[in-house]
Amino acid sequence: MRPITLTPTAVEAVKLAMETRDDGLRVAIVGGGCSGYSYRLELEKYADRDEEDLHYEFDGLEVWIDPHSAIILEGVNIDYVVTLQSTGFVFENARAKTTCGCGSSFSY
């Protein structure tokens, strides 16, 4: 079972950003931000992944998550939205106790 879901729109946005220069997407949680934890998305080469990373595939997109982040990311949905006010990735995390106003950090 995957700890996260990526909407088809999010998958296509990552594939467009990759252009052939990277092999996959790293999804991680890092300390920091105004609420304690922040989400991190990074394009990463296959050779840079760690042996302990969890590996998933979403419609041909390779995704790696470190084991610690996978626990905290359990149930998170990642979408990509385009509105008149902003464009970018949106994290829906029902397990977050609090989130910051911009939605990029949370407490767990």
Protein backbone atom coordinates (compact mmCIF):
# COMPACT_ATOMS: atom_id res chain seq x y z
CA MET A 1 0.00 0.00 0.00
CA ARG A 2 1.27 3.46 -0.88
CA PRO A 3 1.59 6.02 1.91
CA ILE A 4 0.68 8.86 -0.48
CA THR A 5 -1.48 9.43 -3.51
CA LEU A 6 -0.68 11.69 -6.42
CA THR A 7 -3.48 12.92 -8.61
CA PRO A 8 -3.09 12.46 -12.37
CA THR A 9 -2.68 16.24 -12.63
CA ALA A 10 0.22 16.16 -10.14
CA VAL A 11 1.89 13.28 -11.99
CA GLU A 12 1.67 15.13 -15.30
CA ALA A 13 3.05 18.33 -13.72
CA VAL A 14 6.10 16.44 -12.42
CA LYS A 15 6.66 14.68 -15.74
CA LEU A 16 6.52 18.05 -17.52
CA ALA A 17 9.06 19.52 -15.09
CA MET A 18 11.41 16.55 -15.51
CA GLU A 19 11.83 16.89 -19.27
CA THR A 20 14.21 13.82 -19.38
CA ARG A 21 16.90 15.26 -17.10
CA ASP A 22 15.90 13.37 -13.96
CA ASP A 23 14.69 9.87 -13.21
CA GLY A 24 12.06 10.41 -10.54
CA LEU A 25 10.51 12.35 -7.71
CA ARG A 26 11.60 12.38 -4.08
CA VAL A 27 8.81 13.13 -1.60
CA ALA A 28 10.03 13.90 1.91
CA ILE A 29 9.28 15.59 5.19
CA VAL A 30 11.86 17.93 6.68
CA GLY A 31 11.95 19.78 9.97
CA GLY A 32 11.20 23.46 9.78
CA GLY A 33 8.54 25.82 8.62
CA CYS A 34 6.25 27.78 10.87
CA SER A 35 4.32 24.67 11.99
CA GLY A 36 7.16 22.19 12.59
CA TYR A 37 7.42 20.06 9.44
CA SER A 38 7.58 20.98 5.77
CA TYR A 39 6.84 18.98 2.64
CA ARG A 40 9.67 18.58 0.16
CA LEU A 41 9.42 17.57 -3.50
CA GLU A 42 12.66 17.17 -5.44
CA LEU A 43 13.56 15.78 -8.81
CA GLU A 44 16.19 13.10 -8.29
CA LYS A 45 18.35 10.81 -10.35
CA TYR A 46 17.93 7.09 -9.87
CA ALA A 47 21.58 6.77 -8.84
CA ASP A 48 21.06 9.21 -5.93
CA ARG A 49 18.39 7.19 -4.17
CA ASP A 50 19.15 5.31 -0.96
CA GLU A 51 18.80 1.53 -0.65
CA GLU A 52 16.34 2.00 2.22
CA ASP A 53 14.02 4.26 0.21
CA LEU A 54 10.53 3.03 -0.49
CA HIS A 55 9.79 2.96 -4.21
CA TYR A 56 6.42 3.55 -5.87
CA GLU A 57 5.25 4.17 -9.38
CA PHE A 58 2.42 6.49 -10.41
CA ASP A 59 1.53 6.16 -14.11
CA GLY A 60 5.16 5.71 -15.09
CA LEU A 61 6.52 8.29 -12.63
CA GLU A 62 9.13 6.83 -10.25
CA VAL A 63 8.65 8.10 -6.67
CA TRP A 64 10.99 7.56 -3.71
CA ILE A 65 10.20 8.18 -0.04
CA ASP A 66 12.55 7.60 2.88
CA PRO A 67 11.06 5.30 5.57
CA HIS A 68 10.76 8.05 8.22
CA SER A 69 8.92 10.41 5.86
CA ALA A 70 6.63 7.57 4.72
CA ILE A 71 5.29 7.19 8.26
CA ILE A 72 4.42 10.88 8.55
CA LEU A 73 3.11 11.08 4.97
CA GLU A 74 0.63 8.21 5.47
CA GLY A 75 -2.65 9.25 3.83
CA VAL A 76 -1.39 12.47 2.21
CA ASN A 77 -2.83 13.36 -1.19
CA ILE A 78 -0.70 15.52 -3.48
CA ASP A 79 -2.45 17.50 -6.19
CA TYR A 80 -1.39 20.18 -8.64
CA VAL A 81 -3.76 23.10 -9.01
CA VAL A 82 -3.94 26.13 -11.26
CA THR A 83 -6.03 29.06 -10.08
CA LEU A 84 -6.06 32.77 -10.80
CA GLN A 85 -4.20 33.38 -7.53
CA SER A 86 -1.63 30.58 -7.55
CA THR A 87 -0.26 27.54 -9.30
CA GLY A 88 1.47 24.66 -7.60
CA PHE A 89 1.37 21.50 -5.57
CA VAL A 90 -1.20 21.19 -2.81
CA PHE A 91 -0.86 18.72 0.06
CA GLU A 92 -4.03 17.37 1.64
CA ASN A 93 -3.09 15.89 5.01
CA ALA A 94 -6.00 14.83 7.20
CA ARG A 95 -3.61 13.76 9.97
CA ALA A 96 -2.00 17.20 10.35
CA LYS A 97 -2.89 18.81 13.67
CA THR A 98 -2.20 22.33 12.41
CA THR A 99 -1.07 23.85 9.14
CA CYS A 100 0.40 27.20 8.24
CA GLY A 101 -1.47 29.69 6.12
CA CYS A 102 0.40 28.85 2.93
CA GLY A 103 -0.10 25.09 3.37
CA SER A 104 3.57 24.16 3.07
CA SER A 105 4.19 23.28 6.72
CA PHE A 106 2.27 21.39 9.38
CA SER A 107 2.45 19.82 12.83
CA TYR A 108 1.97 16.14 13.32
